[in-house]
């Protein structure tokens, strides 16, 4: 009887150990899947943000600053700065945000037409011109 009880006890212990191992493997697999999903979703949202920034730029800024940020004929006549210039790229994000929201020189203010998230996307997009020399 004692031997049978030990056998049942060790079978239970082996099953419990296998069950715990299966749970750990499942948790690791689930965690890895979640991290891969978040990585893919994160890169998609970054790409989406870049597309949104470009779209906002095209509809609000390109008239003067040109599609490439170097300035259109209209913008050059209004003294719009080349957004790829070191003078613009040396500005802090807060300074660029202030200029977009409040305007500067011939540039009109956009704080009544763009929300804070849109302005942030525009600032990020303006930064891309510094990389395209």
N, C-alpha and C. Protein backbone atom coordinates (compact mmCIF):
# COMPACT_ATOMS: atom_id res chain seq x y z
N UNK A 1 0.81 -1.19 0.00
CA UNK A 1 0.00 0.00 0.00
C UNK A 1 0.85 1.25 0.00
N UNK A 2 1.91 1.24 0.76
CA UNK A 2 2.78 2.39 0.82
C UNK A 2 3.41 2.63 -0.54
N UNK A 3 3.80 1.53 -1.22
CA UNK A 3 4.38 1.70 -2.55
C UNK A 3 3.36 2.32 -3.51
N UNK A 4 2.13 1.90 -3.49
CA UNK A 4 1.08 2.44 -4.35
C UNK A 4 0.82 3.91 -4.07
N UNK A 5 0.87 4.25 -2.81
CA UNK A 5 0.65 5.65 -2.45
C UNK A 5 1.80 6.49 -2.96
N UNK A 6 3.01 5.97 -2.85
CA UNK A 6 4.18 6.71 -3.36
C UNK A 6 4.10 6.88 -4.86
N UNK A 7 3.67 5.82 -5.55
CA UNK A 7 3.55 5.88 -7.00
C UNK A 7 2.51 6.92 -7.40
N UNK A 8 1.40 6.92 -6.72
CA UNK A 8 0.34 7.89 -7.02
C UNK A 8 0.85 9.29 -6.72
N UNK A 9 1.57 9.43 -5.61
CA UNK A 9 2.14 10.73 -5.25
C UNK A 9 3.15 11.19 -6.27
N UNK A 10 4.01 10.30 -6.77
CA UNK A 10 4.99 10.73 -7.75
C UNK A 10 4.36 10.97 -9.11
N UNK A 11 3.27 10.24 -9.43
CA UNK A 11 2.57 10.53 -10.68
C UNK A 11 1.92 11.91 -10.60
N UNK A 12 1.36 12.24 -9.45
CA UNK A 12 0.75 13.56 -9.25
C UNK A 12 1.80 14.65 -9.33
N UNK A 13 2.95 14.39 -8.71
CA UNK A 13 4.04 15.37 -8.74
C UNK A 13 4.54 15.57 -10.16
N UNK A 14 4.67 14.47 -10.92
CA UNK A 14 5.13 14.57 -12.30
C UNK A 14 4.12 15.34 -13.15
N UNK A 15 2.81 15.05 -12.94
CA UNK A 15 1.78 15.75 -13.69
C UNK A 15 1.76 17.24 -13.32
N UNK A 16 1.90 17.54 -12.05
CA UNK A 16 1.91 18.94 -11.61
C UNK A 16 3.11 19.67 -12.18
N UNK A 17 4.25 18.99 -12.20
CA UNK A 17 5.47 19.60 -12.75
C UNK A 17 5.30 19.85 -14.26
N UNK A 18 4.75 18.89 -14.97
CA UNK A 18 4.52 19.04 -16.41
C UNK A 18 3.51 20.16 -16.67
N UNK A 19 2.49 20.23 -15.82
CA UNK A 19 1.49 21.29 -15.96
C UNK A 19 2.12 22.67 -15.77
N UNK A 20 2.94 22.81 -14.73
CA UNK A 20 3.61 24.10 -14.48
C UNK A 20 4.53 24.47 -15.64
N UNK A 21 5.25 23.48 -16.16
CA UNK A 21 6.13 23.72 -17.30
C UNK A 21 5.32 24.18 -18.52
N UNK A 22 4.19 23.53 -18.76
CA UNK A 22 3.33 23.92 -19.88
C UNK A 22 2.81 25.34 -19.71
N UNK A 23 2.46 25.70 -18.51
CA UNK A 23 1.98 27.06 -18.22
C UNK A 23 3.10 28.06 -18.49
N UNK A 24 4.31 27.75 -18.02
CA UNK A 24 5.44 28.67 -18.24
C UNK A 24 5.72 28.84 -19.73
N UNK A 25 5.71 27.73 -20.48
CA UNK A 25 5.94 27.81 -21.93
C UNK A 25 4.84 28.64 -22.58
N UNK A 26 3.61 28.44 -22.14
CA UNK A 26 2.49 29.22 -22.69
C UNK A 26 2.64 30.71 -22.41
N UNK A 27 3.06 31.04 -21.20
CA UNK A 27 3.24 32.45 -20.83
C UNK A 27 4.36 33.07 -21.66
N UNK A 28 5.47 32.34 -21.82
CA UNK A 28 6.59 32.85 -22.61
C UNK A 28 6.15 33.05 -24.06
N UNK A 29 5.43 32.08 -24.60
CA UNK A 29 4.95 32.18 -25.99
C UNK A 29 3.99 33.35 -26.15
N UNK A 30 3.08 33.49 -25.22
CA UNK A 30 2.13 34.60 -25.26
C UNK A 30 2.85 35.94 -25.15
N UNK A 31 3.81 36.03 -24.25
CA UNK A 31 4.58 37.28 -24.08
C UNK A 31 5.35 37.62 -25.35
N UNK A 32 5.99 36.63 -25.95
CA UNK A 32 6.75 36.87 -27.18
C UNK A 32 5.82 37.33 -28.30
N UNK A 33 4.65 36.69 -28.39
CA UNK A 33 3.68 37.09 -29.42
C UNK A 33 3.20 38.52 -29.20
N UNK A 34 2.95 38.86 -27.95
CA UNK A 34 2.50 40.22 -27.63
C UNK A 34 3.57 41.24 -27.99
N UNK A 35 4.84 40.93 -27.68
CA UNK A 35 5.93 41.87 -28.00
C UNK A 35 6.07 42.05 -29.51
N UNK A 36 5.94 40.94 -30.26
CA UNK A 36 6.04 41.06 -31.72
C UNK A 36 4.88 41.89 -32.27
N UNK A 37 3.68 41.67 -31.74
CA UNK A 37 2.52 42.44 -32.17
C UNK A 37 2.74 43.92 -31.90
N UNK A 38 3.21 44.25 -30.69
CA UNK A 38 3.44 45.66 -30.33
C UNK A 38 4.53 46.28 -31.19
N UNK A 39 5.55 45.51 -31.52
CA UNK A 39 6.62 46.04 -32.37
C UNK A 39 6.09 46.36 -33.76
N UNK A 40 5.29 45.45 -34.32
CA UNK A 40 4.70 45.68 -35.64
C UNK A 40 3.72 46.84 -35.58
N UNK A 41 2.88 46.88 -34.57
CA UNK A 41 1.91 47.96 -34.43
C UNK A 41 2.61 49.29 -34.22
N UNK A 42 3.69 49.28 -33.45
CA UNK A 42 4.45 50.51 -33.21
C UNK A 42 5.07 51.05 -34.48
N UNK A 43 5.66 50.17 -35.29
CA UNK A 43 6.27 50.64 -36.53
C UNK A 43 5.20 51.11 -37.50
N UNK A 44 4.04 50.47 -37.47
CA UNK A 44 2.94 50.92 -38.33
C UNK A 44 2.45 52.28 -37.89
N UNK A 45 2.38 52.52 -36.57
CA UNK A 45 1.91 53.82 -36.11
C UNK A 45 2.95 54.91 -36.39
N UNK A 46 4.23 54.57 -36.35
CA UNK A 46 5.27 55.55 -36.70
C UNK A 46 5.14 55.91 -38.18
N UNK A 47 4.95 54.89 -39.01
CA UNK A 47 4.78 55.15 -40.44
C UNK A 47 3.51 55.96 -40.67
N UNK A 48 2.44 55.63 -39.94
CA UNK A 48 1.20 56.38 -40.05
C UNK A 48 1.38 57.82 -39.60
N UNK A 49 2.16 58.03 -38.56
CA UNK A 49 2.42 59.39 -38.07
C UNK A 49 3.19 60.19 -39.12
N UNK A 50 4.16 59.55 -39.76
CA UNK A 50 4.92 60.24 -40.81
C UNK A 50 4.01 60.61 -41.98
N UNK A 51 3.11 59.68 -42.35
CA UNK A 51 2.16 59.96 -43.42
C UNK A 51 1.23 61.10 -43.03
N UNK A 52 0.77 61.10 -41.78
CA UNK A 52 -0.12 62.15 -41.30
C UNK A 52 0.60 63.48 -41.25
N UNK A 53 1.85 63.49 -40.78
CA UNK A 53 2.64 64.73 -40.77
C UNK A 53 2.83 65.28 -42.16
N UNK A 54 3.13 64.40 -43.11
CA UNK A 54 3.30 64.83 -44.50
C UNK A 54 1.99 65.38 -45.05
N UNK A 55 0.90 64.70 -44.75
CA UNK A 55 -0.41 65.15 -45.22
C UNK A 55 -0.76 66.52 -44.66
N UNK A 56 -0.50 66.71 -43.36
CA UNK A 56 -0.74 68.02 -42.74
C UNK A 56 0.15 69.08 -43.36
N UNK A 57 1.40 68.75 -43.60
CA UNK A 57 2.34 69.68 -44.21
C UNK A 57 1.87 70.06 -45.61
N UNK A 58 1.50 69.05 -46.40
CA UNK A 58 1.06 69.30 -47.77
C UNK A 58 -0.15 70.22 -47.82
N UNK A 59 -1.08 70.05 -46.87
CA UNK A 59 -2.29 70.85 -46.92
C UNK A 59 -2.18 72.21 -46.22
N UNK A 60 -1.19 72.40 -45.35
CA UNK A 60 -1.10 73.65 -44.60
C UNK A 60 0.18 74.45 -44.86
N UNK A 61 1.25 73.80 -45.25
CA UNK A 61 2.56 74.46 -45.26
C UNK A 61 3.23 74.52 -46.64
N UNK A 62 2.94 73.51 -47.47
CA UNK A 62 3.67 73.38 -48.74
C UNK A 62 3.43 74.56 -49.69
N UNK A 63 2.32 75.26 -49.54
CA UNK A 63 2.04 76.41 -50.40
C UNK A 63 3.19 77.40 -50.34
N UNK A 64 3.73 77.61 -49.15
CA UNK A 64 4.84 78.55 -48.99
C UNK A 64 6.19 77.85 -48.86
N UNK A 65 6.22 76.76 -48.11
CA UNK A 65 7.51 76.10 -47.85
C UNK A 65 7.88 75.08 -48.92
N UNK A 66 6.98 74.80 -49.86
CA UNK A 66 7.26 73.85 -50.93
C UNK A 66 7.18 72.42 -50.45
N UNK A 67 6.94 71.50 -51.36
CA UNK A 67 6.84 70.08 -51.03
C UNK A 67 8.13 69.55 -50.40
N UNK A 68 9.25 70.09 -50.82
CA UNK A 68 10.55 69.61 -50.34
C UNK A 68 11.09 70.42 -49.17
N UNK A 69 10.32 71.44 -48.71
CA UNK A 69 10.75 72.26 -47.58
C UNK A 69 11.70 73.39 -47.94
N UNK A 70 12.10 73.47 -49.22
CA UNK A 70 13.05 74.50 -49.64
C UNK A 70 12.38 75.82 -50.00
N UNK A 71 11.06 75.81 -50.06
CA UNK A 71 10.33 77.04 -50.36
C UNK A 71 9.78 77.05 -51.77
N UNK A 72 8.54 77.46 -51.90
CA UNK A 72 7.91 77.62 -53.22
C UNK A 72 8.21 79.04 -53.70
N UNK A 73 7.81 79.35 -54.92
CA UNK A 73 8.00 80.71 -55.45
C UNK A 73 7.25 81.71 -54.56
N UNK A 74 6.04 81.34 -54.15
CA UNK A 74 5.27 82.20 -53.26
C UNK A 74 5.99 82.38 -51.94
N UNK A 75 6.45 81.29 -51.37
CA UNK A 75 7.15 81.33 -50.09
C UNK A 75 8.43 82.15 -50.16
N UNK A 76 9.16 82.00 -51.24
CA UNK A 76 10.41 82.76 -51.38
C UNK A 76 10.10 84.26 -51.48
N UNK A 77 9.00 84.61 -52.16
CA UNK A 77 8.60 86.01 -52.24
C UNK A 77 8.19 86.56 -50.87
N UNK A 78 7.70 85.67 -49.99
CA UNK A 78 7.29 86.07 -48.64
C UNK A 78 8.41 85.86 -47.60
N UNK A 79 9.58 85.49 -48.08
CA UNK A 79 10.74 85.21 -47.21
C UNK A 79 10.52 84.03 -46.26
N UNK A 80 9.80 83.02 -46.73
CA UNK A 80 9.63 81.80 -45.93
C UNK A 80 10.98 81.08 -45.87
N UNK A 81 11.39 80.64 -44.69
CA UNK A 81 12.69 80.01 -44.59
C UNK A 81 12.72 78.61 -45.21
N UNK A 82 13.90 78.22 -45.64
CA UNK A 82 14.17 76.86 -46.12
C UNK A 82 14.17 75.98 -44.87
N UNK A 83 13.26 75.03 -44.79
CA UNK A 83 13.12 74.21 -43.59
C UNK A 83 14.27 73.22 -43.39
N UNK A 84 15.08 73.02 -44.43
CA UNK A 84 16.24 72.14 -44.28
C UNK A 84 17.47 72.90 -43.79
N UNK A 85 17.36 74.21 -43.70
CA UNK A 85 18.52 75.02 -43.30
C UNK A 85 18.92 74.75 -41.86
N UNK A 86 20.17 74.96 -41.58
CA UNK A 86 20.66 74.72 -40.23
C UNK A 86 19.99 75.69 -39.24
N UNK A 87 19.64 76.90 -39.70
CA UNK A 87 18.98 77.86 -38.81
C UNK A 87 17.65 77.30 -38.30
N UNK A 88 16.89 76.67 -39.18
CA UNK A 88 15.60 76.09 -38.78
C UNK A 88 15.83 74.82 -37.97
N UNK A 89 16.74 73.98 -38.43
CA UNK A 89 16.95 72.70 -37.77
C UNK A 89 17.59 72.85 -36.39
N UNK A 90 18.24 73.99 -36.13
CA UNK A 90 18.82 74.24 -34.80
C UNK A 90 17.77 74.67 -33.78
N UNK A 91 16.59 75.08 -34.26
CA UNK A 91 15.51 75.47 -33.35
C UNK A 91 15.06 74.26 -32.54
N UNK A 92 14.63 74.51 -31.32
CA UNK A 92 14.09 73.42 -30.50
C UNK A 92 12.69 73.08 -30.99
N UNK A 93 12.21 71.93 -30.60
CA UNK A 93 10.83 71.55 -30.95
C UNK A 93 9.84 72.56 -30.39
N UNK A 94 10.11 73.07 -29.20
CA UNK A 94 9.22 74.07 -28.59
C UNK A 94 9.21 75.35 -29.42
N UNK A 95 10.35 75.76 -29.94
CA UNK A 95 10.41 76.98 -30.76
C UNK A 95 9.65 76.79 -32.07
N UNK A 96 9.80 75.63 -32.69
CA UNK A 96 9.08 75.37 -33.94
C UNK A 96 7.58 75.30 -33.65
N UNK A 97 7.22 74.67 -32.55
CA UNK A 97 5.80 74.59 -32.15
C UNK A 97 5.22 75.99 -31.99
N UNK A 98 5.95 76.86 -31.31
CA UNK A 98 5.49 78.24 -31.10
C UNK A 98 5.30 78.96 -32.43
N UNK A 99 6.23 78.77 -33.36
CA UNK A 99 6.11 79.43 -34.66
C UNK A 99 4.91 78.92 -35.44
N UNK A 100 4.66 77.61 -35.37
CA UNK A 100 3.49 77.06 -36.07
C UNK A 100 2.20 77.58 -35.43
N UNK A 101 2.14 77.55 -34.11
CA UNK A 101 0.93 77.96 -33.42
C UNK A 101 0.67 79.46 -33.53
N UNK A 102 1.70 80.28 -33.37
CA UNK A 102 1.52 81.74 -33.31
C UNK A 102 1.89 82.47 -34.59
N UNK A 103 2.52 81.78 -35.52
CA UNK A 103 2.98 82.43 -36.73
C UNK A 103 4.24 83.23 -36.48
N UNK A 104 4.85 83.69 -37.56
CA UNK A 104 6.05 84.53 -37.43
C UNK A 104 6.26 85.24 -38.76
N UNK A 105 6.52 86.53 -38.69
CA UNK A 105 6.70 87.28 -39.93
C UNK A 105 5.44 87.20 -40.78
N UNK A 106 5.61 86.72 -42.01
CA UNK A 106 4.46 86.59 -42.92
C UNK A 106 3.67 85.30 -42.71
N UNK A 107 4.16 84.43 -41.84
CA UNK A 107 3.47 83.15 -41.61
C UNK A 107 2.29 83.37 -40.66
N UNK A 108 1.11 82.90 -41.08
CA UNK A 108 -0.07 83.06 -40.21
C UNK A 108 -0.04 82.05 -39.06
N UNK A 109 -0.77 82.34 -37.99
CA UNK A 109 -0.86 81.38 -36.88
C UNK A 109 -1.79 80.22 -37.24
N UNK A 110 -1.46 79.04 -36.74
CA UNK A 110 -2.28 77.86 -37.00
C UNK A 110 -2.91 77.27 -35.75
N UNK A 111 -2.79 77.98 -34.61
CA UNK A 111 -3.32 77.42 -33.36
C UNK A 111 -4.83 77.27 -33.37
N UNK A 112 -5.52 78.01 -34.20
CA UNK A 112 -6.98 77.87 -34.25
C UNK A 112 -7.42 76.81 -35.27
N UNK A 113 -6.51 76.37 -36.12
CA UNK A 113 -6.90 75.37 -37.12
C UNK A 113 -6.26 74.00 -36.90
N UNK A 114 -5.17 73.95 -36.13
CA UNK A 114 -4.49 72.68 -35.85
C UNK A 114 -4.47 72.43 -34.35
N UNK A 115 -4.73 71.19 -33.95
CA UNK A 115 -4.66 70.87 -32.53
C UNK A 115 -3.21 70.54 -32.15
N UNK A 116 -2.97 70.36 -30.86
CA UNK A 116 -1.61 70.13 -30.36
C UNK A 116 -0.98 68.88 -30.97
N UNK A 117 -1.76 67.82 -31.15
CA UNK A 117 -1.23 66.59 -31.73
C UNK A 117 -0.82 66.81 -33.19
N UNK A 118 -1.60 67.58 -33.93
CA UNK A 118 -1.26 67.87 -35.32
C UNK A 118 -0.01 68.72 -35.41
N UNK A 119 0.13 69.69 -34.53
CA UNK A 119 1.33 70.53 -34.52
C UNK A 119 2.55 69.68 -34.21
N UNK A 120 2.40 68.75 -33.28
CA UNK A 120 3.52 67.86 -32.94
C UNK A 120 3.92 67.02 -34.15
N UNK A 121 2.95 66.53 -34.91
CA UNK A 121 3.25 65.77 -36.12
C UNK A 121 3.96 66.64 -37.15
N UNK A 122 3.55 67.90 -37.26
CA UNK A 122 4.21 68.82 -38.18
C UNK A 122 5.66 69.08 -37.76
N UNK A 123 5.88 69.27 -36.48
CA UNK A 123 7.25 69.50 -35.98
C UNK A 123 8.11 68.30 -36.34
N UNK A 124 7.60 67.09 -36.11
CA UNK A 124 8.35 65.88 -36.45
C UNK A 124 8.62 65.82 -37.95
N UNK A 125 7.65 66.23 -38.75
CA UNK A 125 7.85 66.20 -40.20
C UNK A 125 8.87 67.26 -40.64
N UNK A 126 8.83 68.43 -40.04
CA UNK A 126 9.82 69.48 -40.35
C UNK A 126 11.23 68.95 -40.07
N UNK A 127 11.38 68.16 -39.03
CA UNK A 127 12.69 67.58 -38.70
C UNK A 127 13.22 66.69 -39.82
N UNK A 128 12.33 66.08 -40.59
CA UNK A 128 12.79 65.21 -41.67
C UNK A 128 13.50 65.98 -42.77
N UNK A 129 13.24 67.27 -42.90
CA UNK A 129 13.91 68.07 -43.93
C UNK A 129 15.38 68.26 -43.61
N UNK A 130 15.74 68.24 -42.36
CA UNK A 130 17.14 68.36 -41.98
C UNK A 130 17.95 67.14 -42.35
N UNK A 131 17.28 66.01 -42.56
CA UNK A 131 17.95 64.76 -42.92
C UNK A 131 18.03 64.56 -44.42
N UNK A 132 17.37 65.40 -45.20
CA UNK A 132 17.27 65.23 -46.66
C UNK A 132 18.16 66.21 -47.40
N UNK A 133 19.35 66.43 -46.98
CA UNK A 133 20.19 67.44 -47.65
C UNK A 133 20.80 66.93 -48.90
